[in-house]
Amino acid sequence: MTTSEANVLWLRVRLAGGGDRMISIVINRWHDNVSTLFRESATLDSAKDTIDFHLGPIGSYPN
Protein backbone atom coordinates (compact mmCIF):
# COMPACT_ATOMS: atom_id res chain seq x y z
CA MET A 1 0.00 0.00 0.00
CA THR A 2 1.28 3.47 -0.83
CA THR A 3 0.49 6.65 1.08
CA SER A 4 -1.89 7.72 -1.68
CA GLU A 5 -4.09 4.71 -0.81
CA ALA A 6 -4.17 5.36 2.94
CA ASN A 7 -6.98 7.20 4.69
CA VAL A 8 -5.57 7.13 8.23
CA LEU A 9 -1.92 7.39 9.25
CA TRP A 10 -0.62 7.11 12.80
CA LEU A 11 2.41 9.09 13.86
CA ARG A 12 4.33 8.29 17.06
CA VAL A 13 6.32 11.19 18.46
CA ARG A 14 8.91 10.43 21.13
CA LEU A 15 9.15 13.34 23.55
CA ALA A 16 12.52 14.61 24.77
CA GLY A 17 11.56 14.16 28.43
CA GLY A 18 10.43 10.59 27.85
CA GLY A 19 7.06 9.26 26.87
CA ASP A 20 5.25 9.24 23.58
CA ARG A 21 2.55 11.22 21.83
CA MET A 22 0.32 9.63 19.21
CA ILE A 23 -1.13 11.73 16.39
CA SER A 24 -3.71 10.45 13.90
CA ILE A 25 -3.63 11.95 10.42
CA VAL A 26 -6.98 11.50 8.66
CA ILE A 27 -7.22 12.08 4.90
CA ASN A 28 -10.75 12.94 3.77
CA ARG A 29 -11.10 12.03 0.11
CA TRP A 30 -13.71 13.93 -1.92
CA HIS A 31 -16.00 11.96 -4.21
CA ASP A 32 -18.05 13.73 -6.87
CA ASN A 33 -20.45 10.78 -6.90
CA VAL A 34 -20.93 7.78 -4.59
CA SER A 35 -23.60 5.93 -6.56
CA THR A 36 -21.36 3.02 -7.56
CA LEU A 37 -18.84 0.73 -5.89
CA PHE A 38 -16.79 0.29 -9.04
CA ARG A 39 -14.37 2.72 -10.70
CA GLU A 40 -14.05 4.77 -7.49
CA SER A 41 -10.93 6.51 -8.82
CA ALA A 42 -13.02 8.08 -11.60
CA THR A 43 -15.16 9.91 -9.01
CA LEU A 44 -12.32 11.28 -6.85
CA ASP A 45 -11.52 15.00 -6.89
CA SER A 46 -8.18 15.48 -5.09
CA ALA A 47 -8.48 19.29 -5.32
CA LYS A 48 -11.22 19.06 -2.67
CA ASP A 49 -9.45 16.59 -0.33
CA THR A 50 -8.79 17.72 3.24
CA ILE A 51 -6.57 16.49 6.06
CA ASP A 52 -7.18 16.48 9.82
CA PHE A 53 -4.73 16.01 12.68
CA HIS A 54 -6.00 14.55 15.97
CA LEU A 55 -4.19 13.79 19.22
CA GLY A 56 -4.65 10.14 20.06
CA PRO A 57 -5.78 7.15 18.05
CA ILE A 58 -8.56 7.34 15.47
CA GLY A 59 -9.46 4.45 13.19
CA SER A 60 -10.29 0.79 13.36
CA TYR A 61 -7.06 -0.92 14.42
CA PRO A 62 -4.55 1.34 16.22
CA ASN A 63 -1.75 -0.61 17.94
PDB file of N, CA and C in Angstrom:
ATOM      1  N   MET A   1       0.847  -1.171   0.000  1.00  0.00           N
ATOM      2  CA  MET A   1       0.000   0.000   0.000  1.00  0.00           C
ATOM      3  C   MET A   1       0.898   1.242   0.000  1.00  0.00           C
ATOM      4  N   THR A   2       0.557   2.198  -0.813  1.00  0.00           N
ATOM      5  CA  THR A   2       1.281   3.465  -0.833  1.00  0.00           C
ATOM      6  C   THR A   2       0.510   4.487  -0.012  1.00  0.00           C
ATOM      7  N   THR A   3       1.143   5.610   0.294  1.00  0.00           N
ATOM      8  CA  THR A   3       0.487   6.653   1.084  1.00  0.00           C
ATOM      9  C   THR A   3      -0.734   7.199   0.372  1.00  0.00           C
ATOM     10  N   SER A   4      -0.742   7.191  -0.949  1.00  0.00           N
ATOM     11  CA  SER A   4      -1.886   7.718  -1.681  1.00  0.00           C
ATOM     12  C   SER A   4      -3.121   6.839  -1.517  1.00  0.00           C
ATOM     13  N   GLU A   5      -2.959   5.596  -1.034  1.00  0.00           N
ATOM     14  CA  GLU A   5      -4.087   4.706  -0.811  1.00  0.00           C
ATOM     15  C   GLU A   5      -4.554   4.723   0.635  1.00  0.00           C
ATOM     16  N   ALA A   6      -3.824   5.364   1.524  1.00  0.00           N
ATOM     17  CA  ALA A   6      -4.167   5.363   2.942  1.00  0.00           C
ATOM     18  C   ALA A   6      -5.160   6.466   3.262  1.00  0.00           C
ATOM     19  N   ASN A   7      -6.058   6.180   4.212  1.00  0.00           N
ATOM     20  CA  ASN A   7      -6.983   7.199   4.689  1.00  0.00           C
ATOM     21  C   ASN A   7      -6.662   7.635   6.107  1.00  0.00           C
ATOM     22  N   VAL A   8      -5.975   6.791   6.873  1.00  0.00           N
ATOM     23  CA  VAL A   8      -5.568   7.132   8.231  1.00  0.00           C
ATOM     24  C   VAL A   8      -4.109   6.739   8.404  1.00  0.00           C
ATOM     25  N   LEU A   9      -3.324   7.662   8.928  1.00  0.00           N
ATOM     26  CA  LEU A   9      -1.924   7.385   9.253  1.00  0.00           C
ATOM     27  C   LEU A   9      -1.730   7.679  10.732  1.00  0.00           C
ATOM     28  N   TRP A  10      -0.929   6.861  11.402  1.00  0.00           N
ATOM     29  CA  TRP A  10      -0.616   7.106  12.804  1.00  0.00           C
ATOM     30  C   TRP A  10       0.839   7.508  12.915  1.00  0.00           C
ATOM     31  N   LEU A  11       1.070   8.560  13.680  1.00  0.00           N
ATOM     32  CA  LEU A  11       2.413   9.087  13.863  1.00  0.00           C
ATOM     33  C   LEU A  11       2.753   9.022  15.344  1.00  0.00           C
ATOM     34  N   ARG A  12       3.868   8.371  15.664  1.00  0.00           N
ATOM     35  CA  ARG A  12       4.328   8.291  17.056  1.00  0.00           C
ATOM     36  C   ARG A  12       5.467   9.277  17.230  1.00  0.00           C
ATOM     37  N   VAL A  13       5.304  10.181  18.183  1.00  0.00           N
ATOM     38  CA  VAL A  13       6.320  11.194  18.460  1.00  0.00           C
ATOM     39  C   VAL A  13       6.925  10.870  19.824  1.00  0.00           C
ATOM     40  N   ARG A  14       8.217  10.674  19.856  1.00  0.00           N
ATOM     41  CA  ARG A  14       8.910  10.433  21.127  1.00  0.00           C
ATOM     42  C   ARG A  14       9.329  11.775  21.701  1.00  0.00           C
ATOM     43  N   LEU A  15       8.871  12.064  22.909  1.00  0.00           N
ATOM     44  CA  LEU A  15       9.146  13.340  23.552  1.00  0.00           C
ATOM     45  C   LEU A  15      10.529  13.327  24.202  1.00  0.00           C
ATOM     46  N   ALA A  16      11.167  14.495  24.241  1.00  0.00           N
ATOM     47  CA  ALA A  16      12.525  14.606  24.772  1.00  0.00           C
ATOM     48  C   ALA A  16      12.588  14.190  26.239  1.00  0.00           C
ATOM     49  N   GLY A  17      11.567  14.497  27.019  1.00  0.00           N
ATOM     50  CA  GLY A  17      11.557  14.163  28.434  1.00  0.00           C
ATOM     51  C   GLY A  17      11.104  12.745  28.723  1.00  0.00           C
ATOM     52  N   GLY A  18      10.932  11.952  27.702  1.00  0.00           N
ATOM     53  CA  GLY A  18      10.428  10.589  27.854  1.00  0.00           C
ATOM     54  C   GLY A  18       8.950  10.550  27.523  1.00  0.00           C
ATOM     55  N   GLY A  19       8.462   9.403  27.228  1.00  0.00           N
ATOM     56  CA  GLY A  19       7.057   9.259  26.869  1.00  0.00           C
ATOM     57  C   GLY A  19       6.834   9.439  25.386  1.00  0.00           C
ATOM     58  N   ASP A  20       5.622   9.179  24.990  1.00  0.00           N
ATOM     59  CA  ASP A  20       5.252   9.236  23.580  1.00  0.00           C
ATOM     60  C   ASP A  20       3.984  10.062  23.407  1.00  0.00           C
ATOM     61  N   ARG A  21       3.785  10.547  22.215  1.00  0.00           N
ATOM     62  CA  ARG A  21       2.549  11.224  21.825  1.00  0.00           C
ATOM     63  C   ARG A  21       2.103  10.584  20.521  1.00  0.00           C
ATOM     64  N   MET A  22       0.837  10.228  20.434  1.00  0.00           N
ATOM     65  CA  MET A  22       0.317   9.634  19.215  1.00  0.00           C
ATOM     66  C   MET A  22      -0.570  10.652  18.508  1.00  0.00           C
ATOM     67  N   ILE A  23      -0.343  10.814  17.216  1.00  0.00           N
ATOM     68  CA  ILE A  23      -1.125  11.727  16.389  1.00  0.00           C
ATOM     69  C   ILE A  23      -1.731  10.923  15.240  1.00  0.00           C
ATOM     70  N   SER A  24      -3.038  11.075  15.037  1.00  0.00           N
ATOM     71  CA  SER A  24      -3.711  10.447  13.902  1.00  0.00           C
ATOM     72  C   SER A  24      -3.851  11.479  12.800  1.00  0.00           C
ATOM     73  N   ILE A  25      -3.491  11.090  11.597  1.00  0.00           N
ATOM     74  CA  ILE A  25      -3.630  11.954  10.425  1.00  0.00           C
ATOM     75  C   ILE A  25      -4.709  11.313   9.558  1.00  0.00           C
ATOM     76  N   VAL A  26      -5.824  12.029   9.394  1.00  0.00           N
ATOM     77  CA  VAL A  26      -6.977  11.505   8.661  1.00  0.00           C
ATOM     78  C   VAL A  26      -7.093  12.245   7.335  1.00  0.00           C
ATOM     79  N   ILE A  27      -7.103  11.495   6.241  1.00  0.00           N
ATOM     80  CA  ILE A  27      -7.223  12.077   4.905  1.00  0.00           C
ATOM     81  C   ILE A  27      -8.667  11.877   4.442  1.00  0.00           C
ATOM     82  N   ASN A  28      -9.357  12.969   4.206  1.00  0.00           N
ATOM     83  CA  ASN A  28     -10.749  12.938   3.772  1.00  0.00           C
ATOM     84  C   ASN A  28     -10.774  13.090   2.260  1.00  0.00           C
ATOM     85  N   ARG A  29     -11.099  12.025   1.577  1.00  0.00           N
ATOM     86  CA  ARG A  29     -11.102  12.034   0.111  1.00  0.00           C
ATOM     87  C   ARG A  29     -12.474  12.461  -0.405  1.00  0.00           C
ATOM     88  N   TRP A  30     -12.480  13.396  -1.336  1.00  0.00           N
ATOM     89  CA  TRP A  30     -13.706  13.933  -1.916  1.00  0.00           C
ATOM     90  C   TRP A  30     -14.135  13.073  -3.100  1.00  0.00           C
ATOM     91  N   HIS A  31     -15.409  12.693  -3.099  1.00  0.00           N
ATOM     92  CA  HIS A  31     -15.999  11.955  -4.209  1.00  0.00           C
ATOM     93  C   HIS A  31     -17.062  12.832  -4.851  1.00  0.00           C
ATOM     94  N   ASP A  32     -17.022  12.985  -6.162  1.00  0.00           N
ATOM     95  CA  ASP A  32     -18.053  13.731  -6.872  1.00  0.00           C
ATOM     96  C   ASP A  32     -19.367  12.951  -6.886  1.00  0.00           C
ATOM     97  N   ASN A  33     -19.280  11.627  -6.752  1.00  0.00           N
ATOM     98  CA  ASN A  33     -20.446  10.779  -6.897  1.00  0.00           C
ATOM     99  C   ASN A  33     -20.163   9.490  -6.128  1.00  0.00           C
ATOM    100  N   VAL A  34     -21.112   9.032  -5.342  1.00  0.00           N
ATOM    101  CA  VAL A  34     -20.933   7.784  -4.594  1.00  0.00           C
ATOM    102  C   VAL A  34     -22.014   6.765  -4.948  1.00  0.00           C
ATOM    103  N   SER A  35     -22.500   6.806  -6.163  1.00  0.00           N
ATOM    104  CA  SER A  35     -23.600   5.934  -6.565  1.00  0.00           C
ATOM    105  C   SER A  35     -23.146   4.549  -7.008  1.00  0.00           C
ATOM    106  N   THR A  36     -21.846   4.321  -7.105  1.00  0.00           N
ATOM    107  CA  THR A  36     -21.360   3.021  -7.561  1.00  0.00           C
ATOM    108  C   THR A  36     -20.155   2.577  -6.739  1.00  0.00           C
ATOM    109  N   LEU A  37     -19.991   1.268  -6.613  1.00  0.00           N
ATOM    110  CA  LEU A  37     -18.842   0.728  -5.887  1.00  0.00           C
ATOM    111  C   LEU A  37     -17.636   0.526  -6.794  1.00  0.00           C
ATOM    112  N   PHE A  38     -17.858   0.567  -8.087  1.00  0.00           N
ATOM    113  CA  PHE A  38     -16.787   0.295  -9.045  1.00  0.00           C
ATOM    114  C   PHE A  38     -16.262   1.597  -9.631  1.00  0.00           C
ATOM    115  N   ARG A  39     -15.025   1.570 -10.084  1.00  0.00           N
ATOM    116  CA  ARG A  39     -14.366   2.724 -10.695  1.00  0.00           C
ATOM    117  C   ARG A  39     -14.358   3.944  -9.763  1.00  0.00           C
ATOM    118  N   GLU A  40     -14.072   3.693  -8.484  1.00  0.00           N
ATOM    119  CA  GLU A  40     -14.047   4.769  -7.495  1.00  0.00           C
ATOM    120  C   GLU A  40     -13.076   5.877  -7.896  1.00  0.00           C
ATOM    121  N   SER A  41     -11.936   5.505  -8.467  1.00  0.00           N
ATOM    122  CA  SER A  41     -10.925   6.505  -8.822  1.00  0.00           C
ATOM    123  C   SER A  41     -11.458   7.525  -9.830  1.00  0.00           C
ATOM    124  N   ALA A  42     -12.450   7.147 -10.619  1.00  0.00           N
ATOM    125  CA  ALA A  42     -13.018   8.077 -11.603  1.00  0.00           C
ATOM    126  C   ALA A  42     -13.870   9.160 -10.940  1.00  0.00           C
ATOM    127  N   THR A  43     -14.305   8.932  -9.693  1.00  0.00           N
ATOM    128  CA  THR A  43     -15.162   9.913  -9.013  1.00  0.00           C
ATOM    129  C   THR A  43     -14.405  10.768  -8.008  1.00  0.00           C
ATOM    130  N   LEU A  44     -13.113  10.521  -7.811  1.00  0.00           N
ATOM    131  CA  LEU A  44     -12.318  11.281  -6.846  1.00  0.00           C
ATOM    132  C   LEU A  44     -11.945  12.650  -7.399  1.00  0.00           C
ATOM    133  N   ASP A  45     -11.949  13.642  -6.520  1.00  0.00           N
ATOM    134  CA  ASP A  45     -11.517  14.998  -6.889  1.00  0.00           C
ATOM    135  C   ASP A  45     -10.505  15.453  -5.837  1.00  0.00           C
ATOM    136  N   SER A  46      -9.231  15.208  -6.085  1.00  0.00           N
ATOM    137  CA  SER A  46      -8.184  15.480  -5.092  1.00  0.00           C
ATOM    138  C   SER A  46      -8.040  16.965  -4.769  1.00  0.00           C
ATOM    139  N   ALA A  47      -8.543  17.850  -5.613  1.00  0.00           N
ATOM    140  CA  ALA A  47      -8.481  19.289  -5.321  1.00  0.00           C
ATOM    141  C   ALA A  47      -9.354  19.651  -4.119  1.00  0.00           C
ATOM    142  N   LYS A  48     -10.313  18.795  -3.788  1.00  0.00           N
ATOM    143  CA  LYS A  48     -11.218  19.062  -2.666  1.00  0.00           C
ATOM    144  C   LYS A  48     -10.909  18.201  -1.436  1.00  0.00           C
ATOM    145  N   ASP A  49      -9.844  17.401  -1.488  1.00  0.00           N
ATOM    146  CA  ASP A  49      -9.451  16.588  -0.334  1.00  0.00           C
ATOM    147  C   ASP A  49      -9.032  17.488   0.820  1.00  0.00           C
ATOM    148  N   THR A  50      -9.251  17.005   2.051  1.00  0.00           N
ATOM    149  CA  THR A  50      -8.793  17.718   3.240  1.00  0.00           C
ATOM    150  C   THR A  50      -8.021  16.746   4.122  1.00  0.00           C
ATOM    151  N   ILE A  51      -7.344  17.303   5.127  1.00  0.00           N
ATOM    152  CA  ILE A  51      -6.573  16.491   6.062  1.00  0.00           C
ATOM    153  C   ILE A  51      -6.819  17.027   7.466  1.00  0.00           C
ATOM    154  N   ASP A  52      -6.963  16.111   8.413  1.00  0.00           N
ATOM    155  CA  ASP A  52      -7.184  16.476   9.815  1.00  0.00           C
ATOM    156  C   ASP A  52      -6.108  15.818  10.664  1.00  0.00           C
ATOM    157  N   PHE A  53      -5.685  16.530  11.714  1.00  0.00           N
ATOM    158  CA  PHE A  53      -4.725  16.012  12.682  1.00  0.00           C
ATOM    159  C   PHE A  53      -5.422  15.927  14.034  1.00  0.00           C
ATOM    160  N   HIS A  54      -5.355  14.761  14.681  1.00  0.00           N
ATOM    161  CA  HIS A  54      -6.000  14.545  15.974  1.00  0.00           C
ATOM    162  C   HIS A  54      -5.003  13.940  16.934  1.00  0.00           C
ATOM    163  N   LEU A  55      -5.002  14.431  18.183  1.00  0.00           N
ATOM    164  CA  LEU A  55      -4.193  13.788  19.217  1.00  0.00           C
ATOM    165  C   LEU A  55      -4.871  12.495  19.613  1.00  0.00           C
ATOM    166  N   GLY A  56      -4.109  11.428  19.677  1.00  0.00           N
ATOM    167  CA  GLY A  56      -4.646  10.136  20.061  1.00  0.00           C
ATOM    168  C   GLY A  56      -5.048   9.312  18.855  1.00  0.00           C
ATOM    169  N   PRO A  57      -5.444   8.070  19.137  1.00  0.00           N
ATOM    170  CA  PRO A  57      -5.778   7.147  18.049  1.00  0.00           C
ATOM    171  C   PRO A  57      -7.184   7.378  17.475  1.00  0.00           C
ATOM    172  N   ILE A  58      -7.284   7.332  16.181  1.00  0.00           N
ATOM    173  CA  ILE A  58      -8.558   7.338  15.468  1.00  0.00           C
ATOM    174  C   ILE A  58      -8.438   6.265  14.393  1.00  0.00           C
ATOM    175  N   GLY A  59      -9.472   5.489  14.207  1.00  0.00           N
ATOM    176  CA  GLY A  59      -9.456   4.449  13.194  1.00  0.00           C
ATOM    177  C   GLY A  59      -9.837   3.115  13.786  1.00  0.00           C
ATOM    178  N   SER A  60      -9.793   2.097  12.960  1.00  0.00           N
ATOM    179  CA  SER A  60     -10.291   0.789  13.363  1.00  0.00           C
ATOM    180  C   SER A  60      -9.292  -0.043  14.159  1.00  0.00           C
ATOM    181  N   TYR A  61      -8.013  -0.007  13.804  1.00  0.00           N
ATOM    182  CA  TYR A  61      -7.060  -0.921  14.423  1.00  0.00           C
ATOM    183  C   TYR A  61      -5.768  -0.237  14.873  1.00  0.00           C
ATOM    184  N   PRO A  62      -5.814   0.751  15.751  1.00  0.00           N
ATOM    185  CA  PRO A  62      -4.548   1.342  16.217  1.00  0.00           C
ATOM    186  C   PRO A  62      -3.846   0.394  17.193  1.00  0.00           C
ATOM    187  N   ASN A  63      -2.551   0.219  17.036  1.00  0.00           N
ATOM    188  CA  ASN A  63      -1.755  -0.606  17.942  1.00  0.00           C
ATOM    189  C   ASN A  63      -0.945   0.297  18.831  1.00  0.00           C
TER     190      ASN A  63
END
